[in-house]
Amino acid sequence: MWPTRPGETVGSLRAVVLVALGTALMALSAKVNLPLPYVPMTLQSLVVLMIGAAYGWRLGSATMIAYLAEGAMGLPVFAGPVGGLAPLVGPTAGYLFGFVAAAFVTGWLAERGWDRSVVLLFAAMAVGHIVIFAAGFGWLALGLGAAKAWQVGVAPFIAASLVKNALGATLMPAARRIIDRRG
C-alpha cells in the first residue's frame, strides 16, 4: 500500500513504519468490541485480513507477530484494557495466534492476484476468517468441548464475518485506487 517507484525494494524504514501502523490499527480495532462470554466481537479480523491483503504474506505475518509481542510485553493492545500473557493463554489465544496464519494466507492469496477482484478478495478474506475460526475453535474446544466452543466461539461470529469480508473486499480496491493516483 506504500507507493514505491519501479525497481525500488522494500526498505527497512518502510517496513518498520508499516508494521507500526498495522499494530496501531490492530490495537484500535480491538477497542471497538462487543463483550460476549469467552470471546468478544471486535473489528480485529477485518483489520488482520486487510493488512494481509495490503502488505502481503511476509509483512502481514510480521505485523501480526509484532502485535502479539506488544501485547505479551504488557501493552494494552488486546480487546478491553488488556495486555500481558493472560490473553495469549486464555480463551482468545487461538484467535490471536490465528491472526498470524490468517494474515499469511490472505497475503499469500493477494500476492497471487486475489486482491484485484472484489469477488476473489472476498473469497481470500473468507479463507482468512476460516483460518481464524479454526484456530480459535480448536483452542476453545480443548477447554470447553466442541459443542460449547462452536456455540460461543464460532456461531455468533459468522454473520459479522460475512459483513467484514464484504467491507474489506470493497474498501481494499478503493484504497488502492486512491494510493495509485498519488503514487
N, C-alpha and C. Protein backbone atom coordinates (compact mmCIF):
# COMPACT_ATOMS: atom_id res chain seq x y z
N MET A 1 0.82 -1.20 0.00
CA MET A 1 0.00 0.00 0.00
C MET A 1 0.86 1.26 0.00
N TRP A 2 2.13 1.16 0.38
CA TRP A 2 3.03 2.30 0.38
C TRP A 2 3.53 2.48 -1.04
N PRO A 3 3.33 3.67 -1.62
CA PRO A 3 3.77 3.86 -3.00
C PRO A 3 5.27 3.65 -3.14
N THR A 4 5.67 2.96 -4.19
CA THR A 4 7.08 2.73 -4.46
C THR A 4 7.36 3.06 -5.91
N ARG A 5 8.60 3.32 -6.20
CA ARG A 5 8.99 3.55 -7.59
C ARG A 5 9.37 2.20 -8.20
N PRO A 6 9.25 2.07 -9.51
CA PRO A 6 9.64 0.81 -10.15
C PRO A 6 11.08 0.45 -9.79
N GLY A 7 11.30 -0.79 -9.43
CA GLY A 7 12.63 -1.26 -9.10
C GLY A 7 13.03 -1.02 -7.66
N GLU A 8 12.26 -0.25 -6.93
CA GLU A 8 12.59 0.04 -5.54
C GLU A 8 12.23 -1.16 -4.66
N THR A 9 13.13 -1.57 -3.81
CA THR A 9 12.85 -2.68 -2.90
C THR A 9 12.27 -2.16 -1.61
N VAL A 10 11.63 -3.07 -0.88
CA VAL A 10 11.04 -2.70 0.39
C VAL A 10 12.18 -2.43 1.37
N GLY A 11 12.28 -1.19 1.82
CA GLY A 11 13.34 -0.82 2.74
C GLY A 11 12.96 -1.08 4.18
N SER A 12 13.95 -1.08 5.03
CA SER A 12 13.72 -1.33 6.45
C SER A 12 12.82 -0.28 7.07
N LEU A 13 13.04 0.98 6.75
CA LEU A 13 12.23 2.05 7.32
C LEU A 13 10.77 1.90 6.92
N ARG A 14 10.55 1.59 5.66
CA ARG A 14 9.19 1.39 5.16
C ARG A 14 8.51 0.26 5.93
N ALA A 15 9.22 -0.85 6.11
CA ALA A 15 8.65 -1.99 6.81
C ALA A 15 8.34 -1.64 8.26
N VAL A 16 9.24 -0.94 8.93
CA VAL A 16 9.02 -0.57 10.33
C VAL A 16 7.80 0.34 10.46
N VAL A 17 7.69 1.31 9.56
CA VAL A 17 6.54 2.23 9.60
C VAL A 17 5.24 1.47 9.35
N LEU A 18 5.24 0.57 8.37
CA LEU A 18 4.03 -0.18 8.07
C LEU A 18 3.65 -1.13 9.21
N VAL A 19 4.63 -1.76 9.84
CA VAL A 19 4.34 -2.63 10.98
C VAL A 19 3.78 -1.81 12.13
N ALA A 20 4.38 -0.66 12.41
CA ALA A 20 3.88 0.21 13.48
C ALA A 20 2.46 0.67 13.19
N LEU A 21 2.19 1.06 11.97
CA LEU A 21 0.84 1.47 11.58
C LEU A 21 -0.13 0.30 11.72
N GLY A 22 0.28 -0.87 11.27
CA GLY A 22 -0.58 -2.06 11.36
C GLY A 22 -0.89 -2.45 12.79
N THR A 23 0.11 -2.42 13.67
CA THR A 23 -0.14 -2.79 15.07
C THR A 23 -1.01 -1.75 15.75
N ALA A 24 -0.85 -0.49 15.37
CA ALA A 24 -1.71 0.56 15.93
C ALA A 24 -3.16 0.35 15.49
N LEU A 25 -3.35 0.01 14.23
CA LEU A 25 -4.71 -0.28 13.74
C LEU A 25 -5.30 -1.50 14.43
N MET A 26 -4.47 -2.50 14.68
CA MET A 26 -4.94 -3.69 15.40
C MET A 26 -5.39 -3.32 16.81
N ALA A 27 -4.59 -2.51 17.49
CA ALA A 27 -4.94 -2.10 18.86
C ALA A 27 -6.24 -1.30 18.86
N LEU A 28 -6.39 -0.39 17.91
CA LEU A 28 -7.64 0.38 17.83
C LEU A 28 -8.83 -0.52 17.51
N SER A 29 -8.65 -1.46 16.61
CA SER A 29 -9.75 -2.35 16.24
C SER A 29 -10.15 -3.27 17.39
N ALA A 30 -9.22 -3.55 18.28
CA ALA A 30 -9.53 -4.38 19.45
C ALA A 30 -10.40 -3.62 20.44
N LYS A 31 -10.27 -2.30 20.46
CA LYS A 31 -11.02 -1.48 21.41
C LYS A 31 -12.47 -1.29 20.98
N VAL A 32 -12.76 -1.52 19.69
CA VAL A 32 -14.14 -1.49 19.20
C VAL A 32 -14.67 -2.91 19.37
N ASN A 33 -15.28 -3.17 20.53
CA ASN A 33 -15.69 -4.55 20.78
C ASN A 33 -17.03 -4.62 21.49
N LEU A 34 -17.66 -5.75 21.26
CA LEU A 34 -18.90 -6.12 21.92
C LEU A 34 -18.55 -7.27 22.85
N PRO A 35 -18.53 -7.02 24.15
CA PRO A 35 -18.16 -8.10 25.07
C PRO A 35 -19.18 -9.23 25.04
N LEU A 36 -18.70 -10.43 24.80
CA LEU A 36 -19.51 -11.65 24.82
C LEU A 36 -18.82 -12.63 25.77
N PRO A 37 -19.53 -13.64 26.24
CA PRO A 37 -18.85 -14.63 27.08
C PRO A 37 -17.71 -15.30 26.30
N TYR A 38 -16.60 -15.44 26.91
CA TYR A 38 -15.41 -16.11 26.38
C TYR A 38 -14.67 -15.27 25.34
N VAL A 39 -15.32 -14.90 24.23
CA VAL A 39 -14.64 -14.23 23.12
C VAL A 39 -15.42 -12.98 22.73
N PRO A 40 -14.79 -11.79 22.81
CA PRO A 40 -15.51 -10.57 22.40
C PRO A 40 -15.56 -10.45 20.88
N MET A 41 -16.56 -9.75 20.39
CA MET A 41 -16.66 -9.48 18.96
C MET A 41 -15.96 -8.14 18.71
N THR A 42 -14.95 -8.14 17.85
CA THR A 42 -14.17 -6.93 17.57
C THR A 42 -14.07 -6.71 16.07
N LEU A 43 -13.38 -5.64 15.70
CA LEU A 43 -13.07 -5.39 14.30
C LEU A 43 -11.71 -5.93 13.90
N GLN A 44 -11.07 -6.67 14.81
CA GLN A 44 -9.71 -7.14 14.56
C GLN A 44 -9.60 -8.02 13.33
N SER A 45 -10.53 -8.93 13.14
CA SER A 45 -10.39 -9.84 11.99
C SER A 45 -10.43 -9.06 10.68
N LEU A 46 -11.26 -8.02 10.60
CA LEU A 46 -11.29 -7.18 9.41
C LEU A 46 -9.92 -6.56 9.17
N VAL A 47 -9.32 -6.00 10.22
CA VAL A 47 -8.02 -5.35 10.08
C VAL A 47 -6.93 -6.36 9.74
N VAL A 48 -6.96 -7.54 10.38
CA VAL A 48 -5.99 -8.59 10.07
C VAL A 48 -6.01 -8.91 8.58
N LEU A 49 -7.20 -9.12 8.05
CA LEU A 49 -7.33 -9.54 6.65
C LEU A 49 -6.97 -8.41 5.69
N MET A 50 -7.30 -7.19 6.05
CA MET A 50 -6.92 -6.05 5.20
C MET A 50 -5.41 -5.84 5.23
N ILE A 51 -4.79 -6.02 6.39
CA ILE A 51 -3.33 -5.91 6.47
C ILE A 51 -2.69 -7.02 5.64
N GLY A 52 -3.19 -8.23 5.75
CA GLY A 52 -2.65 -9.32 4.94
C GLY A 52 -2.76 -9.01 3.46
N ALA A 53 -3.93 -8.54 3.03
CA ALA A 53 -4.14 -8.23 1.61
C ALA A 53 -3.28 -7.05 1.15
N ALA A 54 -3.12 -6.06 2.00
CA ALA A 54 -2.37 -4.87 1.63
C ALA A 54 -0.86 -5.06 1.71
N TYR A 55 -0.40 -5.78 2.73
CA TYR A 55 1.03 -5.91 2.99
C TYR A 55 1.66 -7.13 2.33
N GLY A 56 0.85 -8.13 2.01
CA GLY A 56 1.41 -9.39 1.54
C GLY A 56 1.69 -10.32 2.71
N TRP A 57 2.05 -11.56 2.40
CA TRP A 57 2.16 -12.56 3.45
C TRP A 57 3.33 -12.31 4.39
N ARG A 58 4.46 -11.82 3.91
CA ARG A 58 5.62 -11.64 4.78
C ARG A 58 5.39 -10.51 5.78
N LEU A 59 5.12 -9.33 5.27
CA LEU A 59 4.96 -8.17 6.15
C LEU A 59 3.66 -8.26 6.95
N GLY A 60 2.62 -8.86 6.36
CA GLY A 60 1.37 -9.04 7.10
C GLY A 60 1.55 -9.95 8.30
N SER A 61 2.23 -11.08 8.09
CA SER A 61 2.50 -12.00 9.20
C SER A 61 3.41 -11.35 10.23
N ALA A 62 4.43 -10.65 9.78
CA ALA A 62 5.35 -9.97 10.71
C ALA A 62 4.60 -8.94 11.55
N THR A 63 3.64 -8.26 10.94
CA THR A 63 2.85 -7.27 11.68
C THR A 63 2.03 -7.93 12.77
N MET A 64 1.44 -9.08 12.47
CA MET A 64 0.65 -9.79 13.49
C MET A 64 1.55 -10.32 14.61
N ILE A 65 2.73 -10.80 14.26
CA ILE A 65 3.67 -11.26 15.29
C ILE A 65 4.08 -10.09 16.17
N ALA A 66 4.34 -8.93 15.56
CA ALA A 66 4.69 -7.74 16.35
C ALA A 66 3.55 -7.33 17.27
N TYR A 67 2.32 -7.43 16.77
CA TYR A 67 1.14 -7.11 17.58
C TYR A 67 1.06 -8.02 18.79
N LEU A 68 1.23 -9.33 18.58
CA LEU A 68 1.19 -10.26 19.70
C LEU A 68 2.34 -10.00 20.67
N ALA A 69 3.50 -9.64 20.16
CA ALA A 69 4.65 -9.33 21.02
C ALA A 69 4.37 -8.09 21.86
N GLU A 70 3.76 -7.07 21.26
CA GLU A 70 3.39 -5.87 22.02
C GLU A 70 2.46 -6.24 23.17
N GLY A 71 1.47 -7.06 22.88
CA GLY A 71 0.54 -7.50 23.92
C GLY A 71 1.24 -8.32 24.99
N ALA A 72 2.12 -9.22 24.58
CA ALA A 72 2.85 -10.06 25.54
C ALA A 72 3.73 -9.22 26.46
N MET A 73 4.23 -8.11 25.95
CA MET A 73 5.06 -7.22 26.76
C MET A 73 4.25 -6.38 27.74
N GLY A 74 2.93 -6.50 27.67
CA GLY A 74 2.08 -5.79 28.60
C GLY A 74 1.38 -4.57 28.06
N LEU A 75 1.63 -4.22 26.82
CA LEU A 75 0.92 -3.08 26.24
C LEU A 75 -0.57 -3.45 26.10
N PRO A 76 -1.46 -2.53 26.42
CA PRO A 76 -2.91 -2.86 26.38
C PRO A 76 -3.48 -2.82 24.97
N VAL A 77 -3.05 -3.75 24.14
CA VAL A 77 -3.44 -3.75 22.73
C VAL A 77 -4.57 -4.71 22.41
N PHE A 78 -4.90 -5.60 23.35
CA PHE A 78 -5.94 -6.58 23.10
C PHE A 78 -7.31 -6.01 23.47
N ALA A 79 -8.38 -6.75 23.18
CA ALA A 79 -9.74 -6.30 23.47
C ALA A 79 -9.88 -5.99 24.96
N GLY A 80 -10.52 -4.86 25.25
CA GLY A 80 -10.61 -4.40 26.63
C GLY A 80 -9.28 -3.77 27.01
N PRO A 81 -9.14 -3.35 28.23
CA PRO A 81 -7.86 -2.74 28.64
C PRO A 81 -6.86 -3.83 29.04
N VAL A 82 -6.52 -4.68 28.08
CA VAL A 82 -5.77 -5.88 28.41
C VAL A 82 -4.45 -5.94 27.65
N GLY A 83 -3.43 -6.35 28.35
CA GLY A 83 -2.14 -6.68 27.78
C GLY A 83 -1.57 -7.79 28.65
N GLY A 84 -0.41 -8.25 28.33
CA GLY A 84 0.22 -9.30 29.11
C GLY A 84 0.00 -10.67 28.51
N LEU A 85 0.41 -11.67 29.23
CA LEU A 85 0.36 -13.04 28.72
C LEU A 85 -1.00 -13.71 28.86
N ALA A 86 -1.85 -13.23 29.76
CA ALA A 86 -3.14 -13.89 30.00
C ALA A 86 -3.97 -14.09 28.73
N PRO A 87 -4.13 -13.07 27.86
CA PRO A 87 -4.91 -13.31 26.65
C PRO A 87 -4.26 -14.33 25.71
N LEU A 88 -2.96 -14.50 25.81
CA LEU A 88 -2.24 -15.43 24.93
C LEU A 88 -2.30 -16.87 25.40
N VAL A 89 -2.91 -17.09 26.56
CA VAL A 89 -3.12 -18.45 27.05
C VAL A 89 -4.58 -18.68 27.46
N GLY A 90 -5.39 -17.63 27.41
CA GLY A 90 -6.79 -17.72 27.80
C GLY A 90 -7.69 -18.13 26.64
N PRO A 91 -9.00 -17.91 26.78
CA PRO A 91 -9.96 -18.35 25.77
C PRO A 91 -9.74 -17.76 24.38
N THR A 92 -9.15 -16.56 24.30
CA THR A 92 -8.96 -15.91 22.99
C THR A 92 -7.63 -16.26 22.33
N ALA A 93 -6.81 -17.06 22.97
CA ALA A 93 -5.47 -17.35 22.45
C ALA A 93 -5.49 -17.91 21.03
N GLY A 94 -6.38 -18.84 20.76
CA GLY A 94 -6.43 -19.44 19.43
C GLY A 94 -6.72 -18.41 18.35
N TYR A 95 -7.61 -17.49 18.64
CA TYR A 95 -7.93 -16.44 17.67
C TYR A 95 -6.73 -15.54 17.46
N LEU A 96 -6.08 -15.15 18.56
CA LEU A 96 -4.93 -14.25 18.45
C LEU A 96 -3.82 -14.87 17.62
N PHE A 97 -3.49 -16.13 17.88
CA PHE A 97 -2.46 -16.79 17.08
C PHE A 97 -2.96 -17.08 15.67
N GLY A 98 -4.26 -17.26 15.51
CA GLY A 98 -4.84 -17.43 14.18
C GLY A 98 -4.69 -16.20 13.31
N PHE A 99 -4.55 -15.02 13.95
CA PHE A 99 -4.33 -13.79 13.19
C PHE A 99 -3.07 -13.88 12.33
N VAL A 100 -2.02 -14.48 12.88
CA VAL A 100 -0.76 -14.61 12.14
C VAL A 100 -0.99 -15.47 10.90
N ALA A 101 -1.61 -16.62 11.08
CA ALA A 101 -1.87 -17.52 9.96
C ALA A 101 -2.83 -16.90 8.95
N ALA A 102 -3.83 -16.17 9.42
CA ALA A 102 -4.80 -15.55 8.51
C ALA A 102 -4.14 -14.45 7.67
N ALA A 103 -3.28 -13.65 8.29
CA ALA A 103 -2.55 -12.62 7.53
C ALA A 103 -1.65 -13.29 6.49
N PHE A 104 -1.02 -14.39 6.88
CA PHE A 104 -0.17 -15.15 5.97
C PHE A 104 -0.98 -15.62 4.75
N VAL A 105 -2.08 -16.31 5.01
CA VAL A 105 -2.89 -16.90 3.92
C VAL A 105 -3.49 -15.82 3.04
N THR A 106 -4.09 -14.80 3.66
CA THR A 106 -4.72 -13.73 2.88
C THR A 106 -3.67 -12.97 2.08
N GLY A 107 -2.52 -12.71 2.69
CA GLY A 107 -1.44 -12.04 1.98
C GLY A 107 -0.90 -12.87 0.83
N TRP A 108 -0.77 -14.17 1.05
CA TRP A 108 -0.28 -15.06 0.01
C TRP A 108 -1.25 -15.06 -1.18
N LEU A 109 -2.53 -15.15 -0.90
CA LEU A 109 -3.53 -15.12 -1.97
C LEU A 109 -3.54 -13.77 -2.68
N ALA A 110 -3.41 -12.69 -1.92
CA ALA A 110 -3.40 -11.35 -2.52
C ALA A 110 -2.21 -11.19 -3.46
N GLU A 111 -1.07 -11.73 -3.07
CA GLU A 111 0.12 -11.64 -3.92
C GLU A 111 -0.05 -12.42 -5.22
N ARG A 112 -1.01 -13.30 -5.26
CA ARG A 112 -1.27 -14.08 -6.46
C ARG A 112 -2.46 -13.52 -7.25
N GLY A 113 -2.83 -12.28 -6.97
CA GLY A 113 -3.85 -11.59 -7.74
C GLY A 113 -5.25 -11.61 -7.18
N TRP A 114 -5.44 -12.25 -6.03
CA TRP A 114 -6.79 -12.32 -5.45
C TRP A 114 -7.24 -10.97 -4.89
N ASP A 115 -6.37 -10.00 -4.83
CA ASP A 115 -6.74 -8.69 -4.31
C ASP A 115 -7.20 -7.73 -5.41
N ARG A 116 -7.20 -8.17 -6.64
CA ARG A 116 -7.56 -7.28 -7.75
C ARG A 116 -9.01 -7.42 -8.19
N SER A 117 -9.73 -8.30 -7.56
CA SER A 117 -11.14 -8.51 -7.85
C SER A 117 -11.89 -8.55 -6.52
N VAL A 118 -13.00 -7.85 -6.44
CA VAL A 118 -13.79 -7.83 -5.20
C VAL A 118 -14.24 -9.25 -4.84
N VAL A 119 -14.65 -10.02 -5.82
CA VAL A 119 -15.12 -11.38 -5.56
C VAL A 119 -13.99 -12.26 -5.05
N LEU A 120 -12.84 -12.21 -5.71
CA LEU A 120 -11.71 -13.03 -5.27
C LEU A 120 -11.18 -12.56 -3.90
N LEU A 121 -11.16 -11.24 -3.68
CA LEU A 121 -10.70 -10.74 -2.40
C LEU A 121 -11.67 -11.16 -1.29
N PHE A 122 -12.97 -11.13 -1.56
CA PHE A 122 -13.95 -11.63 -0.60
C PHE A 122 -13.63 -13.09 -0.26
N ALA A 123 -13.34 -13.88 -1.29
CA ALA A 123 -13.03 -15.31 -1.07
C ALA A 123 -11.73 -15.46 -0.26
N ALA A 124 -10.71 -14.66 -0.58
CA ALA A 124 -9.45 -14.72 0.16
C ALA A 124 -9.67 -14.37 1.63
N MET A 125 -10.48 -13.35 1.86
CA MET A 125 -10.78 -12.95 3.24
C MET A 125 -11.62 -14.02 3.94
N ALA A 126 -12.49 -14.69 3.20
CA ALA A 126 -13.26 -15.79 3.79
C ALA A 126 -12.33 -16.91 4.22
N VAL A 127 -11.34 -17.22 3.40
CA VAL A 127 -10.36 -18.23 3.79
C VAL A 127 -9.62 -17.78 5.05
N GLY A 128 -9.25 -16.50 5.10
CA GLY A 128 -8.60 -15.96 6.30
C GLY A 128 -9.47 -16.08 7.54
N HIS A 129 -10.75 -15.78 7.38
CA HIS A 129 -11.68 -15.94 8.52
C HIS A 129 -11.78 -17.40 8.95
N ILE A 130 -11.82 -18.30 7.99
CA ILE A 130 -11.88 -19.73 8.34
C ILE A 130 -10.64 -20.14 9.13
N VAL A 131 -9.49 -19.62 8.75
CA VAL A 131 -8.25 -19.91 9.49
C VAL A 131 -8.36 -19.40 10.92
N ILE A 132 -8.84 -18.18 11.09
CA ILE A 132 -9.01 -17.61 12.44
C ILE A 132 -9.99 -18.46 13.25
N PHE A 133 -11.13 -18.78 12.64
CA PHE A 133 -12.13 -19.60 13.33
C PHE A 133 -11.57 -20.97 13.70
N ALA A 134 -10.84 -21.60 12.79
CA ALA A 134 -10.30 -22.93 13.06
C ALA A 134 -9.34 -22.89 14.25
N ALA A 135 -8.47 -21.90 14.28
CA ALA A 135 -7.52 -21.78 15.39
C ALA A 135 -8.25 -21.47 16.70
N GLY A 136 -9.18 -20.55 16.64
CA GLY A 136 -9.94 -20.18 17.84
C GLY A 136 -10.81 -21.32 18.33
N PHE A 137 -11.50 -21.96 17.41
CA PHE A 137 -12.36 -23.09 17.77
C PHE A 137 -11.53 -24.22 18.37
N GLY A 138 -10.43 -24.55 17.73
CA GLY A 138 -9.58 -25.63 18.22
C GLY A 138 -9.11 -25.39 19.65
N TRP A 139 -8.68 -24.16 19.92
CA TRP A 139 -8.21 -23.82 21.27
C TRP A 139 -9.35 -23.87 22.27
N LEU A 140 -10.49 -23.28 21.91
CA LEU A 140 -11.64 -23.30 22.82
C LEU A 140 -12.14 -24.72 23.07
N ALA A 141 -12.14 -25.53 22.03
CA ALA A 141 -12.64 -26.91 22.16
C ALA A 141 -11.81 -27.72 23.14
N LEU A 142 -10.54 -27.42 23.25
CA LEU A 142 -9.70 -28.12 24.22
C LEU A 142 -10.20 -27.92 25.65
N GLY A 143 -10.68 -26.73 25.94
CA GLY A 143 -11.14 -26.43 27.29
C GLY A 143 -12.63 -26.57 27.52
N LEU A 144 -13.42 -26.33 26.46
CA LEU A 144 -14.87 -26.29 26.63
C LEU A 144 -15.60 -27.46 25.97
N GLY A 145 -14.93 -28.18 25.12
CA GLY A 145 -15.60 -29.20 24.31
C GLY A 145 -16.06 -28.59 23.00
N ALA A 146 -16.23 -29.42 21.99
CA ALA A 146 -16.53 -28.94 20.65
C ALA A 146 -17.88 -28.22 20.55
N ALA A 147 -18.92 -28.77 21.16
CA ALA A 147 -20.25 -28.16 21.05
C ALA A 147 -20.28 -26.76 21.66
N LYS A 148 -19.74 -26.63 22.85
CA LYS A 148 -19.72 -25.32 23.53
C LYS A 148 -18.81 -24.34 22.78
N ALA A 149 -17.66 -24.83 22.29
CA ALA A 149 -16.74 -23.96 21.54
C ALA A 149 -17.42 -23.43 20.28
N TRP A 150 -18.17 -24.27 19.60
CA TRP A 150 -18.90 -23.81 18.41
C TRP A 150 -19.94 -22.77 18.81
N GLN A 151 -20.65 -23.02 19.88
CA GLN A 151 -21.74 -22.16 20.33
C GLN A 151 -21.24 -20.77 20.73
N VAL A 152 -20.10 -20.69 21.41
CA VAL A 152 -19.63 -19.39 21.90
C VAL A 152 -18.47 -18.81 21.08
N GLY A 153 -17.82 -19.63 20.26
CA GLY A 153 -16.63 -19.16 19.57
C GLY A 153 -16.71 -19.06 18.07
N VAL A 154 -17.77 -19.61 17.47
CA VAL A 154 -17.89 -19.55 16.02
C VAL A 154 -19.26 -19.03 15.59
N ALA A 155 -20.31 -19.70 16.01
CA ALA A 155 -21.67 -19.36 15.55
C ALA A 155 -22.02 -17.88 15.69
N PRO A 156 -21.72 -17.22 16.82
CA PRO A 156 -22.10 -15.81 16.93
C PRO A 156 -21.35 -14.88 15.98
N PHE A 157 -20.28 -15.37 15.35
CA PHE A 157 -19.41 -14.51 14.56
C PHE A 157 -19.55 -14.69 13.05
N ILE A 158 -20.32 -15.67 12.61
CA ILE A 158 -20.39 -15.98 11.18
C ILE A 158 -20.99 -14.81 10.38
N ALA A 159 -22.11 -14.30 10.80
CA ALA A 159 -22.76 -13.20 10.06
C ALA A 159 -21.86 -11.96 10.03
N ALA A 160 -21.26 -11.63 11.17
CA ALA A 160 -20.37 -10.47 11.23
C ALA A 160 -19.17 -10.66 10.31
N SER A 161 -18.68 -11.89 10.20
CA SER A 161 -17.54 -12.16 9.33
C SER A 161 -17.89 -11.93 7.87
N LEU A 162 -19.09 -12.31 7.49
CA LEU A 162 -19.52 -12.06 6.10
C LEU A 162 -19.59 -10.57 5.81
N VAL A 163 -20.09 -9.80 6.77
CA VAL A 163 -20.15 -8.34 6.62
C VAL A 163 -18.74 -7.76 6.54
N LYS A 164 -17.84 -8.25 7.42
CA LYS A 164 -16.45 -7.77 7.40
C LYS A 164 -15.77 -8.11 6.08
N ASN A 165 -16.02 -9.31 5.55
CA ASN A 165 -15.45 -9.68 4.25
C ASN A 165 -15.92 -8.74 3.16
N ALA A 166 -17.21 -8.46 3.15
CA ALA A 166 -17.76 -7.56 2.13
C ALA A 166 -17.18 -6.16 2.28
N LEU A 167 -17.07 -5.70 3.51
CA LEU A 167 -16.50 -4.37 3.75
C LEU A 167 -15.03 -4.33 3.31
N GLY A 168 -14.26 -5.31 3.72
CA GLY A 168 -12.84 -5.35 3.36
C GLY A 168 -12.63 -5.49 1.87
N ALA A 169 -13.40 -6.36 1.23
CA ALA A 169 -13.25 -6.57 -0.21
C ALA A 169 -13.66 -5.34 -1.01
N THR A 170 -14.52 -4.51 -0.45
CA THR A 170 -14.93 -3.27 -1.10
C THR A 170 -13.94 -2.14 -0.83
N LEU A 171 -13.44 -2.07 0.40
CA LEU A 171 -12.52 -0.99 0.77
C LEU A 171 -11.14 -1.12 0.14
N MET A 172 -10.62 -2.34 0.01
CA MET A 172 -9.26 -2.52 -0.50
C MET A 172 -9.08 -1.98 -1.91
N PRO A 173 -9.93 -2.31 -2.86
CA PRO A 173 -9.74 -1.74 -4.21
C PRO A 173 -9.87 -0.22 -4.21
N ALA A 174 -10.78 0.31 -3.40
CA ALA A 174 -10.93 1.77 -3.32
C ALA A 174 -9.66 2.41 -2.77
N ALA A 175 -9.09 1.81 -1.74
CA ALA A 175 -7.84 2.33 -1.16
C ALA A 175 -6.71 2.25 -2.18
N ARG A 176 -6.65 1.17 -2.92
CA ARG A 176 -5.60 1.02 -3.94
C ARG A 176 -5.72 2.09 -5.03
N ARG A 177 -6.94 2.39 -5.44
CA ARG A 177 -7.14 3.42 -6.46
C ARG A 177 -6.66 4.78 -5.95
N ILE A 178 -6.96 5.09 -4.70
CA ILE A 178 -6.51 6.36 -4.12
C ILE A 178 -5.00 6.41 -4.06
N ILE A 179 -4.38 5.34 -3.61
CA ILE A 179 -2.93 5.31 -3.49
C ILE A 179 -2.27 5.30 -4.86
N ASP A 180 -2.83 4.57 -5.82
CA ASP A 180 -2.27 4.54 -7.17
C ASP A 180 -2.28 5.92 -7.81
N ARG A 181 -3.31 6.72 -7.53
CA ARG A 181 -3.37 8.09 -8.07
C ARG A 181 -2.26 8.96 -7.47
N ARG A 182 -1.94 8.73 -6.19
CA ARG A 182 -0.91 9.53 -5.52
C ARG A 182 0.49 9.10 -5.92
N GLY A 183 0.65 7.79 -6.16
CA GLY A 183 1.98 7.24 -6.47
C GLY A 183 2.37 7.57 -7.84
